[in-house]
Amino acid sequence: RQTAFVRLEPFSTSVLKEILRFHKKNFSPEDLLALWALTGGVAKYVALLMDAGATDLDAMLKVVLDEDSFFLEEGRILLGDEFGKDYSVYFSILSAIARGVTSRNDIEQVVGRQIGGYLTRLEDDYHLVSKRVPFGAKTMRLVRYQIDDSFYRFWFRFIFKYEQMVQMKSFTLLRKLVKRDYPAFSGFALESFFRLRSAESGCWTKLGNWWDRKGENEIDLICEDGIGGSIDFYEVKVDKSRFSRKLLASKVESFLAKHPEKSDLRRRLGLLTLKDM
């Protein structure tokens, strides 16, 4: 009989920083973000990049997107056998989510079929996706789906999507394409980094992000201390020049209009950017 169960977790954000510092004493926040975005802290992937001396984005992409790269077939090897004969449906769903198609209706439009059972298995059996609802939501009406693993997000966003370029060995061109689309991809990675680091801190009773029904207002990170009676609202930006405190304040007012029970909590508004990593 089973006497123990061990789930090997990725490195924490603090450990990931120490690993990168060991290999590159004066690493930049951009280097740390690239390492997180491409590996999600998975030990095997981190070790492969560090052993190759890949400590910045360009070097990492040369390792990951290369003819002899371990990473090219990793997603297919790990998931192909698990998914069996339905692997093409699962891969289509994951590819859509990786490109930012996150509602069930929109995913079904892309895939061209009903996917309720597939999404359930991806979440409950394979632990590859999770549902997100707006912070404080009491219903599941505004569910969005996300791929939890950073490497799989990268693999489906760039390697699976452009597998014809991989087959043609057009790696120089593919790296240019990734660099072109990297700002949007890394923005989501930065949000996930700060959500995880906030969870690791143990300071908050509730974490999440929030969006309204029309998608007109969205707050990247909300941290509530239900014991201390405070709530923090953050925008997460790779480019800090795009931050507007006035706009964030307006979004917070929209949030509080929907959740007046939070109005009595002490509030703090702020920006999280690369220098805060």
C-alpha atoms as a PDB file:
ATOM      1  CA  ARG A   1       0.000   0.000   0.000  1.00  0.00           C
ATOM      2  CA  GLN A   2       1.055   3.564  -0.607  1.00  0.00           C
ATOM      3  CA  THR A   3       2.652   5.006   2.513  1.00  0.00           C
ATOM      4  CA  ALA A   4       3.697   8.385   1.174  1.00  0.00           C
ATOM      5  CA  PHE A   5       3.106  10.724  -1.739  1.00  0.00           C
ATOM      6  CA  VAL A   6       5.712  13.216  -2.904  1.00  0.00           C
ATOM      7  CA  ARG A   7       5.006  15.917  -5.465  1.00  0.00           C
ATOM      8  CA  LEU A   8       8.175  17.599  -6.639  1.00  0.00           C
ATOM      9  CA  GLU A   9       7.465  21.320  -6.776  1.00  0.00           C
ATOM     10  CA  PRO A  10       9.377  23.929  -8.819  1.00  0.00           C
ATOM     11  CA  PHE A  11      11.931  26.122  -7.099  1.00  0.00           C
ATOM     12  CA  SER A  12      10.495  28.999  -5.104  1.00  0.00           C
ATOM     13  CA  THR A  13      11.048  32.498  -6.468  1.00  0.00           C
ATOM     14  CA  SER A  14      13.716  33.212  -3.835  1.00  0.00           C
ATOM     15  CA  VAL A  15      15.643  30.007  -4.623  1.00  0.00           C
ATOM     16  CA  LEU A  16      15.432  30.724  -8.355  1.00  0.00           C
ATOM     17  CA  LYS A  17      17.029  34.119  -7.727  1.00  0.00           C
ATOM     18  CA  GLU A  18      19.851  32.548  -5.717  1.00  0.00           C
ATOM     19  CA  ILE A  19      20.535  29.984  -8.448  1.00  0.00           C
ATOM     20  CA  LEU A  20      20.762  32.702 -11.077  1.00  0.00           C
ATOM     21  CA  ARG A  21      22.957  34.839  -8.781  1.00  0.00           C
ATOM     22  CA  PHE A  22      25.340  31.887  -8.335  1.00  0.00           C
ATOM     23  CA  HIS A  23      25.801  31.654 -12.104  1.00  0.00           C
ATOM     24  CA  LYS A  24      25.692  35.391 -12.818  1.00  0.00           C
ATOM     25  CA  LYS A  25      26.519  37.602  -9.883  1.00  0.00           C
ATOM     26  CA  ASN A  26      25.194  40.811 -11.428  1.00  0.00           C
ATOM     27  CA  PHE A  27      22.111  39.425 -13.133  1.00  0.00           C
ATOM     28  CA  SER A  28      19.432  41.854 -14.245  1.00  0.00           C
ATOM     29  CA  PRO A  29      15.696  41.680 -13.498  1.00  0.00           C
ATOM     30  CA  GLU A  30      15.209  40.925 -17.200  1.00  0.00           C
ATOM     31  CA  ASP A  31      17.439  37.851 -16.795  1.00  0.00           C
ATOM     32  CA  LEU A  32      15.392  36.615 -13.851  1.00  0.00           C
ATOM     33  CA  LEU A  33      12.124  37.189 -15.693  1.00  0.00           C
ATOM     34  CA  ALA A  34      13.405  35.250 -18.715  1.00  0.00           C
ATOM     35  CA  LEU A  35      14.478  32.319 -16.533  1.00  0.00           C
ATOM     36  CA  TRP A  36      11.076  32.271 -14.845  1.00  0.00           C
ATOM     37  CA  ALA A  37       9.126  32.708 -18.086  1.00  0.00           C
ATOM     38  CA  LEU A  38      10.907  29.830 -19.830  1.00  0.00           C
ATOM     39  CA  THR A  39      11.199  27.348 -16.952  1.00  0.00           C
ATOM     40  CA  GLY A  40       8.711  28.207 -14.233  1.00  0.00           C
ATOM     41  CA  GLY A  41      11.412  27.154 -11.791  1.00  0.00           C
ATOM     42  CA  VAL A  42      11.366  23.471 -12.840  1.00  0.00           C
ATOM     43  CA  ALA A  43      14.691  22.056 -11.658  1.00  0.00           C
ATOM     44  CA  LYS A  44      15.569  20.097 -14.826  1.00  0.00           C
ATOM     45  CA  TYR A  45      14.992  23.072 -17.118  1.00  0.00           C
ATOM     46  CA  VAL A  46      16.847  25.484 -14.866  1.00  0.00           C
ATOM     47  CA  ALA A  47      19.810  23.103 -14.650  1.00  0.00           C
ATOM     48  CA  LEU A  48      19.988  22.697 -18.437  1.00  0.00           C
ATOM     49  CA  LEU A  49      20.097  26.452 -18.980  1.00  0.00           C
ATOM     50  CA  MET A  50      22.553  27.172 -16.186  1.00  0.00           C
ATOM     51  CA  ASP A  51      24.880  24.326 -17.226  1.00  0.00           C
ATOM     52  CA  ALA A  52      24.890  25.816 -20.725  1.00  0.00           C
ATOM     53  CA  GLY A  53      25.838  29.233 -19.328  1.00  0.00           C
ATOM     54  CA  ALA A  54      22.544  30.689 -20.587  1.00  0.00           C
ATOM     55  CA  THR A  55      21.850  33.508 -18.145  1.00  0.00           C
ATOM     56  CA  ASP A  56      20.054  36.060 -20.340  1.00  0.00           C
ATOM     57  CA  LEU A  57      17.132  35.863 -22.746  1.00  0.00           C
ATOM     58  CA  ASP A  58      19.148  35.646 -25.972  1.00  0.00           C
ATOM     59  CA  ALA A  59      21.348  32.879 -24.607  1.00  0.00           C
ATOM     60  CA  MET A  60      18.357  30.985 -23.222  1.00  0.00           C
ATOM     61  CA  LEU A  61      16.545  31.134 -26.544  1.00  0.00           C
ATOM     62  CA  LYS A  62      19.629  29.798 -28.324  1.00  0.00           C
ATOM     63  CA  VAL A  63      19.571  26.778 -26.029  1.00  0.00           C
ATOM     64  CA  VAL A  64      15.813  26.211 -26.130  1.00  0.00           C
ATOM     65  CA  LEU A  65      15.322  26.888 -29.845  1.00  0.00           C
ATOM     66  CA  ASP A  66      18.144  24.915 -31.412  1.00  0.00           C
ATOM     67  CA  GLU A  67      18.287  21.849 -33.635  1.00  0.00           C
ATOM     68  CA  ASP A  68      19.590  19.587 -30.854  1.00  0.00           C
ATOM     69  CA  SER A  69      17.528  21.149 -28.064  1.00  0.00           C
ATOM     70  CA  PHE A  70      16.089  18.947 -25.347  1.00  0.00           C
ATOM     71  CA  PHE A  71      13.176  21.367 -25.073  1.00  0.00           C
ATOM     72  CA  LEU A  72      11.735  20.978 -28.582  1.00  0.00           C
ATOM     73  CA  GLU A  73      10.054  17.605 -28.018  1.00  0.00           C
ATOM     74  CA  GLU A  74       9.605  17.916 -24.255  1.00  0.00           C
ATOM     75  CA  GLY A  75       5.949  18.905 -24.358  1.00  0.00           C
ATOM     76  CA  ARG A  76       5.044  16.189 -26.848  1.00  0.00           C
ATOM     77  CA  ILE A  77       7.002  13.506 -24.994  1.00  0.00           C
ATOM     78  CA  LEU A  78       5.508  14.359 -21.609  1.00  0.00           C
ATOM     79  CA  LEU A  79       1.922  14.819 -22.749  1.00  0.00           C
ATOM     80  CA  GLY A  80       1.477  12.777 -25.929  1.00  0.00           C
ATOM     81  CA  ASP A  81       1.303   9.384 -24.206  1.00  0.00           C
ATOM     82  CA  GLU A  82      -0.791  10.780 -21.352  1.00  0.00           C
ATOM     83  CA  PHE A  83      -3.459  12.117 -23.706  1.00  0.00           C
ATOM     84  CA  GLY A  84      -3.576   9.055 -25.986  1.00  0.00           C
ATOM     85  CA  LYS A  85      -5.726   9.164 -29.101  1.00  0.00           C
ATOM     86  CA  ASP A  86      -7.294  12.483 -28.053  1.00  0.00           C
ATOM     87  CA  TYR A  87      -3.959  14.280 -27.824  1.00  0.00           C
ATOM     88  CA  SER A  88      -4.744  16.571 -30.787  1.00  0.00           C
ATOM     89  CA  VAL A  89      -7.828  17.958 -29.019  1.00  0.00           C
ATOM     90  CA  TYR A  90      -5.932  18.528 -25.787  1.00  0.00           C
ATOM     91  CA  PHE A  91      -3.053  20.155 -27.647  1.00  0.00           C
ATOM     92  CA  SER A  92      -5.457  22.459 -29.505  1.00  0.00           C
ATOM     93  CA  ILE A  93      -7.044  23.528 -26.210  1.00  0.00           C
ATOM     94  CA  LEU A  94      -3.702  24.188 -24.545  1.00  0.00           C
ATOM     95  CA  SER A  95      -2.411  26.044 -27.585  1.00  0.00           C
ATOM     96  CA  ALA A  96      -5.469  28.314 -27.557  1.00  0.00           C
ATOM     97  CA  ILE A  97      -5.092  29.081 -23.845  1.00  0.00           C
ATOM     98  CA  ALA A  98      -1.374  29.787 -24.307  1.00  0.00           C
ATOM     99  CA  ARG A  99      -2.272  32.369 -26.969  1.00  0.00           C
ATOM    100  CA  GLY A 100      -4.603  34.165 -24.562  1.00  0.00           C
ATOM    101  CA  VAL A 101      -7.938  32.548 -25.445  1.00  0.00           C
ATOM    102  CA  THR A 102      -9.181  31.900 -21.920  1.00  0.00           C
ATOM    103  CA  SER A 103     -12.981  31.594 -21.794  1.00  0.00           C
ATOM    104  CA  ARG A 104     -14.658  28.267 -22.528  1.00  0.00           C
ATOM    105  CA  ASN A 105     -16.831  29.713 -25.295  1.00  0.00           C
ATOM    106  CA  ASP A 106     -13.855  31.303 -27.034  1.00  0.00           C
ATOM    107  CA  ILE A 107     -11.761  28.133 -26.718  1.00  0.00           C
ATOM    108  CA  GLU A 108     -14.597  26.099 -28.233  1.00  0.00           C
ATOM    109  CA  GLN A 109     -14.753  28.538 -31.154  1.00  0.00           C
ATOM    110  CA  VAL A 110     -11.052  27.939 -31.805  1.00  0.00           C
ATOM    111  CA  VAL A 111     -11.136  24.160 -31.327  1.00  0.00           C
ATOM    112  CA  GLY A 112     -14.449  23.696 -33.136  1.00  0.00           C
ATOM    113  CA  ARG A 113     -16.122  21.352 -30.648  1.00  0.00           C
ATOM    114  CA  GLN A 114     -17.506  21.032 -27.125  1.00  0.00           C
ATOM    115  CA  ILE A 115     -14.632  20.759 -24.662  1.00  0.00           C
ATOM    116  CA  GLY A 116     -16.214  20.580 -21.200  1.00  0.00           C
ATOM    117  CA  GLY A 117     -14.952  17.071 -20.450  1.00  0.00           C
ATOM    118  CA  TYR A 118     -11.495  17.831 -21.806  1.00  0.00           C
ATOM    119  CA  LEU A 119     -11.143  20.932 -19.640  1.00  0.00           C
ATOM    120  CA  THR A 120     -12.240  18.986 -16.575  1.00  0.00           C
ATOM    121  CA  ARG A 121      -9.604  16.321 -17.183  1.00  0.00           C
ATOM    122  CA  LEU A 122      -6.916  18.919 -17.897  1.00  0.00           C
ATOM    123  CA  GLU A 123      -7.699  20.479 -14.535  1.00  0.00           C
ATOM    124  CA  ASP A 124      -8.538  17.536 -12.279  1.00  0.00           C
ATOM    125  CA  ASP A 125      -6.538  14.649 -13.755  1.00  0.00           C
ATOM    126  CA  TYR A 126      -3.540  16.268 -15.425  1.00  0.00           C
ATOM    127  CA  HIS A 127      -3.262  19.433 -13.292  1.00  0.00           C
ATOM    128  CA  LEU A 128      -2.226  21.432 -16.350  1.00  0.00           C
ATOM    129  CA  VAL A 129      -4.867  24.147 -16.296  1.00  0.00           C
ATOM    130  CA  SER A 130      -6.829  25.866 -13.577  1.00  0.00           C
ATOM    131  CA  LYS A 131      -9.930  28.005 -13.412  1.00  0.00           C
ATOM    132  CA  ARG A 132      -9.657  31.622 -12.401  1.00  0.00           C
ATOM    133  CA  VAL A 133     -12.534  33.779 -11.263  1.00  0.00           C
ATOM    134  CA  PRO A 134     -12.413  37.473 -10.375  1.00  0.00           C
ATOM    135  CA  PHE A 135     -11.198  38.200  -6.845  1.00  0.00           C
ATOM    136  CA  GLY A 136     -14.143  38.041  -4.465  1.00  0.00           C
ATOM    137  CA  ALA A 137     -16.506  36.435  -7.007  1.00  0.00           C
ATOM    138  CA  LYS A 138     -19.311  34.366  -5.528  1.00  0.00           C
ATOM    139  CA  THR A 139     -20.248  32.655  -8.802  1.00  0.00           C
ATOM    140  CA  MET A 140     -18.387  30.933 -11.652  1.00  0.00           C
ATOM    141  CA  ARG A 141     -19.903  33.061 -14.402  1.00  0.00           C
ATOM    142  CA  LEU A 142     -16.689  34.820 -15.396  1.00  0.00           C
ATOM    143  CA  VAL A 143     -14.339  31.831 -15.390  1.00  0.00           C
ATOM    144  CA  ARG A 144     -11.069  32.091 -17.260  1.00  0.00           C
ATOM    145  CA  TYR A 145      -8.680  29.200 -17.806  1.00  0.00           C
ATOM    146  CA  GLN A 146      -4.911  29.402 -17.510  1.00  0.00           C
ATOM    147  CA  ILE A 147      -1.963  27.064 -18.008  1.00  0.00           C
ATOM    148  CA  ASP A 148      -0.251  26.907 -14.636  1.00  0.00           C
ATOM    149  CA  ASP A 149       3.173  25.751 -15.815  1.00  0.00           C
ATOM    150  CA  SER A 150       5.370  28.478 -17.354  1.00  0.00           C
ATOM    151  CA  PHE A 151       7.285  26.066 -19.563  1.00  0.00           C
ATOM    152  CA  TYR A 152       4.099  24.609 -21.041  1.00  0.00           C
ATOM    153  CA  ARG A 153       2.834  28.135 -21.682  1.00  0.00           C
ATOM    154  CA  PHE A 154       6.027  28.818 -23.611  1.00  0.00           C
ATOM    155  CA  TRP A 155       6.042  25.450 -25.380  1.00  0.00           C
ATOM    156  CA  PHE A 156       2.454  25.737 -26.650  1.00  0.00           C
ATOM    157  CA  ARG A 157       2.742  29.449 -27.389  1.00  0.00           C
ATOM    158  CA  PHE A 158       5.870  29.181 -29.507  1.00  0.00           C
ATOM    159  CA  ILE A 159       7.173  25.662 -30.165  1.00  0.00           C
ATOM    160  CA  PHE A 160       3.916  23.789 -30.837  1.00  0.00           C
ATOM    161  CA  LYS A 161       2.332  26.730 -32.649  1.00  0.00           C
ATOM    162  CA  TYR A 162       5.313  27.101 -34.964  1.00  0.00           C
ATOM    163  CA  GLU A 163       6.225  23.422 -35.264  1.00  0.00           C
ATOM    164  CA  GLN A 164       6.528  23.742 -39.053  1.00  0.00           C
ATOM    165  CA  MET A 165       9.377  26.196 -38.525  1.00  0.00           C
ATOM    166  CA  VAL A 166      10.927  23.711 -36.102  1.00  0.00           C
ATOM    167  CA  GLN A 167      10.642  20.967 -38.716  1.00  0.00           C
ATOM    168  CA  MET A 168      12.272  23.244 -41.303  1.00  0.00           C
ATOM    169  CA  LYS A 169      14.997  24.032 -38.744  1.00  0.00           C
ATOM    170  CA  SER A 170      14.326  27.753 -39.142  1.00  0.00           C
ATOM    171  CA  PHE A 171      15.594  28.430 -35.636  1.00  0.00           C
ATOM    172  CA  THR A 172      17.157  31.824 -36.289  1.00  0.00           C
ATOM    173  CA  LEU A 173      13.868  33.106 -37.686  1.00  0.00           C
ATOM    174  CA  LEU A 174      11.906  31.445 -34.877  1.00  0.00           C
ATOM    175  CA  ARG A 175      14.045  33.152 -32.243  1.00  0.00           C
ATOM    176  CA  LYS A 176      13.352  36.492 -33.925  1.00  0.00           C
ATOM    177  CA  LEU A 177       9.633  35.730 -33.860  1.00  0.00           C
ATOM    178  CA  VAL A 178       9.776  34.858 -30.155  1.00  0.00           C
ATOM    179  CA  LYS A 179      11.662  38.082 -29.410  1.00  0.00           C
ATOM    180  CA  ARG A 180       8.951  40.010 -31.296  1.00  0.00           C
ATOM    181  CA  ASP A 181       6.141  38.506 -29.212  1.00  0.00           C
ATOM    182  CA  TYR A 182       8.084  38.176 -25.974  1.00  0.00           C
ATOM    183  CA  PRO A 183       6.934  41.483 -24.393  1.00  0.00           C
ATOM    184  CA  ALA A 184       3.296  40.329 -24.232  1.00  0.00           C
ATOM    185  CA  PHE A 185       4.289  36.830 -23.130  1.00  0.00           C
ATOM    186  CA  SER A 186       6.654  38.100 -20.455  1.00  0.00           C
ATOM    187  CA  GLY A 187       4.008  40.468 -19.088  1.00  0.00           C
ATOM    188  CA  PHE A 188       1.838  37.516 -18.112  1.00  0.00           C
ATOM    189  CA  ALA A 189       4.912  35.727 -16.737  1.00  0.00           C
ATOM    190  CA  LEU A 190       5.697  38.729 -14.561  1.00  0.00           C
ATOM    191  CA  GLU A 191       2.160  38.687 -13.152  1.00  0.00           C
ATOM    192  CA  SER A 192       2.459  34.986 -12.318  1.00  0.00           C
ATOM    193  CA  PHE A 193       5.842  35.611 -10.655  1.00  0.00           C
ATOM    194  CA  PHE A 194       4.413  38.230  -8.320  1.00  0.00           C
ATOM    195  CA  ARG A 195       1.318  36.150  -7.533  1.00  0.00           C
ATOM    196  CA  LEU A 196       3.522  33.230  -6.559  1.00  0.00           C
ATOM    197  CA  ARG A 197       5.919  35.373  -4.547  1.00  0.00           C
ATOM    198  CA  SER A 198       2.995  36.952  -2.699  1.00  0.00           C
ATOM    199  CA  ALA A 199       1.649  33.493  -1.884  1.00  0.00           C
ATOM    200  CA  GLU A 200       5.081  32.347  -0.700  1.00  0.00           C
ATOM    201  CA  SER A 201       5.306  35.304   1.686  1.00  0.00           C
ATOM    202  CA  GLY A 202       2.549  33.908   3.897  1.00  0.00           C
ATOM    203  CA  CYS A 203       1.309  37.450   4.574  1.00  0.00           C
ATOM    204  CA  TRP A 204      -2.075  37.255   2.883  1.00  0.00           C
ATOM    205  CA  THR A 205      -5.318  35.414   3.499  1.00  0.00           C
ATOM    206  CA  LYS A 206      -6.534  35.849  -0.075  1.00  0.00           C
ATOM    207  CA  LEU A 207      -4.850  36.550  -3.425  1.00  0.00           C
ATOM    208  CA  GLY A 208      -5.997  36.967  -6.985  1.00  0.00           C
ATOM    209  CA  ASN A 209      -6.750  39.337  -9.795  1.00  0.00           C
ATOM    210  CA  TRP A 210     -10.038  40.940 -10.796  1.00  0.00           C
ATOM    211  CA  TRP A 211     -11.933  41.848 -13.930  1.00  0.00           C
ATOM    212  CA  ASP A 212     -15.449  43.045 -14.560  1.00  0.00           C
ATOM    213  CA  ARG A 213     -18.113  41.448 -16.724  1.00  0.00           C
ATOM    214  CA  LYS A 214     -17.391  43.616 -19.764  1.00  0.00           C
ATOM    215  CA  GLY A 215     -13.625  43.257 -19.465  1.00  0.00           C
ATOM    216  CA  GLU A 216     -13.240  47.037 -19.284  1.00  0.00           C
ATOM    217  CA  ASN A 217     -11.603  47.078 -15.857  1.00  0.00           C
ATOM    218  CA  GLU A 218      -8.934  44.651 -14.664  1.00  0.00           C
ATOM    219  CA  ILE A 219      -6.577  44.676 -11.669  1.00  0.00           C
ATOM    220  CA  ASP A 220      -3.484  42.494 -11.973  1.00  0.00           C
ATOM    221  CA  LEU A 221      -2.981  41.580  -8.324  1.00  0.00           C
ATOM    222  CA  ILE A 222      -5.096  41.988  -5.186  1.00  0.00           C
ATOM    223  CA  CYS A 223      -3.720  40.909  -1.797  1.00  0.00           C
ATOM    224  CA  GLU A 224      -6.040  40.829   1.201  1.00  0.00           C
ATOM    225  CA  ASP A 225      -5.063  40.444   4.844  1.00  0.00           C
ATOM    226  CA  GLY A 226      -8.348  39.415   6.388  1.00  0.00           C
ATOM    227  CA  ILE A 227      -6.785  39.307   9.853  1.00  0.00           C
ATOM    228  CA  GLY A 228      -5.017  42.658   9.776  1.00  0.00           C
ATOM    229  CA  GLY A 229      -7.838  44.351   7.898  1.00  0.00           C
ATOM    230  CA  SER A 230      -5.973  45.580   4.806  1.00  0.00           C
ATOM    231  CA  ILE A 231      -6.121  45.110   1.071  1.00  0.00           C
ATOM    232  CA  ASP A 232      -3.500  46.007  -1.558  1.00  0.00           C
ATOM    233  CA  PHE A 233      -4.129  46.642  -5.251  1.00  0.00           C
ATOM    234  CA  TYR A 234      -1.290  46.390  -7.771  1.00  0.00           C
ATOM    235  CA  GLU A 235      -0.723  46.888 -11.446  1.00  0.00           C
ATOM    236  CA  VAL A 236       2.077  44.723 -12.833  1.00  0.00           C
ATOM    237  CA  LYS A 237       4.030  46.277 -15.704  1.00  0.00           C
ATOM    238  CA  VAL A 238       7.229  45.325 -17.515  1.00  0.00           C
ATOM    239  CA  ASP A 239       7.274  48.886 -18.842  1.00  0.00           C
ATOM    240  CA  LYS A 240       6.636  51.128 -15.840  1.00  0.00           C
ATOM    241  CA  SER A 241       5.926  54.128 -18.076  1.00  0.00           C
ATOM    242  CA  ARG A 242       2.578  52.520 -18.923  1.00  0.00           C
ATOM    243  CA  PHE A 243       1.394  52.740 -15.318  1.00  0.00           C
ATOM    244  CA  SER A 244      -1.251  55.282 -14.365  1.00  0.00           C
ATOM    245  CA  ARG A 245      -2.096  55.640 -10.682  1.00  0.00           C
ATOM    246  CA  LYS A 246      -5.222  57.551 -11.626  1.00  0.00           C
ATOM    247  CA  LEU A 247      -6.401  54.703 -13.833  1.00  0.00           C
ATOM    248  CA  LEU A 248      -5.667  52.135 -11.115  1.00  0.00           C
ATOM    249  CA  ALA A 249      -7.618  54.228  -8.607  1.00  0.00           C
ATOM    250  CA  SER A 250     -10.557  54.274 -11.010  1.00  0.00           C
ATOM    251  CA  LYS A 251     -10.402  50.479 -11.341  1.00  0.00           C
ATOM    252  CA  VAL A 252     -10.297  50.109  -7.561  1.00  0.00           C
ATOM    253  CA  GLU A 253     -13.427  52.236  -7.273  1.00  0.00           C
ATOM    254  CA  SER A 254     -15.135  49.951  -9.788  1.00  0.00           C
ATOM    255  CA  PHE A 255     -14.042  46.940  -7.746  1.00  0.00           C
ATOM    256  CA  LEU A 256     -15.341  48.452  -4.487  1.00  0.00           C
ATOM    257  CA  ALA A 257     -18.652  49.273  -6.131  1.00  0.00           C
ATOM    258  CA  LYS A 258     -19.043  45.549  -6.779  1.00  0.00           C
ATOM    259  CA  HIS A 259     -17.654  44.579  -3.372  1.00  0.00           C
ATOM    260  CA  PRO A 260     -18.722  47.226  -0.832  1.00  0.00           C
ATOM    261  CA  GLU A 261     -17.863  44.804   1.981  1.00  0.00           C
ATOM    262  CA  LYS A 262     -14.183  45.559   1.242  1.00  0.00           C
ATOM    263  CA  SER A 263     -14.592  49.327   1.569  1.00  0.00           C
ATOM    264  CA  ASP A 264     -13.692  49.443   5.263  1.00  0.00           C
ATOM    265  CA  LEU A 265     -10.331  47.707   4.750  1.00  0.00           C
ATOM    266  CA  ARG A 266      -7.177  49.831   4.729  1.00  0.00           C
ATOM    267  CA  ARG A 267      -6.159  50.242   1.116  1.00  0.00           C
ATOM    268  CA  ARG A 268      -2.852  50.617  -0.649  1.00  0.00           C
ATOM    269  CA  LEU A 269      -2.364  51.080  -4.386  1.00  0.00           C
ATOM    270  CA  GLY A 270       0.902  50.468  -6.147  1.00  0.00           C
ATOM    271  CA  LEU A 271       2.978  49.324  -9.097  1.00  0.00           C
ATOM    272  CA  LEU A 272       5.052  46.164  -9.338  1.00  0.00           C
ATOM    273  CA  THR A 273       7.666  46.102 -12.056  1.00  0.00           C
ATOM    274  CA  LEU A 274      10.959  44.449 -12.946  1.00  0.00           C
ATOM    275  CA  LYS A 275      12.940  46.220 -10.247  1.00  0.00           C
ATOM    276  CA  ASP A 276      10.639  44.721  -7.598  1.00  0.00           C
ATOM    277  CA  MET A 277      11.525  41.142  -8.532  1.00  0.00           C
END
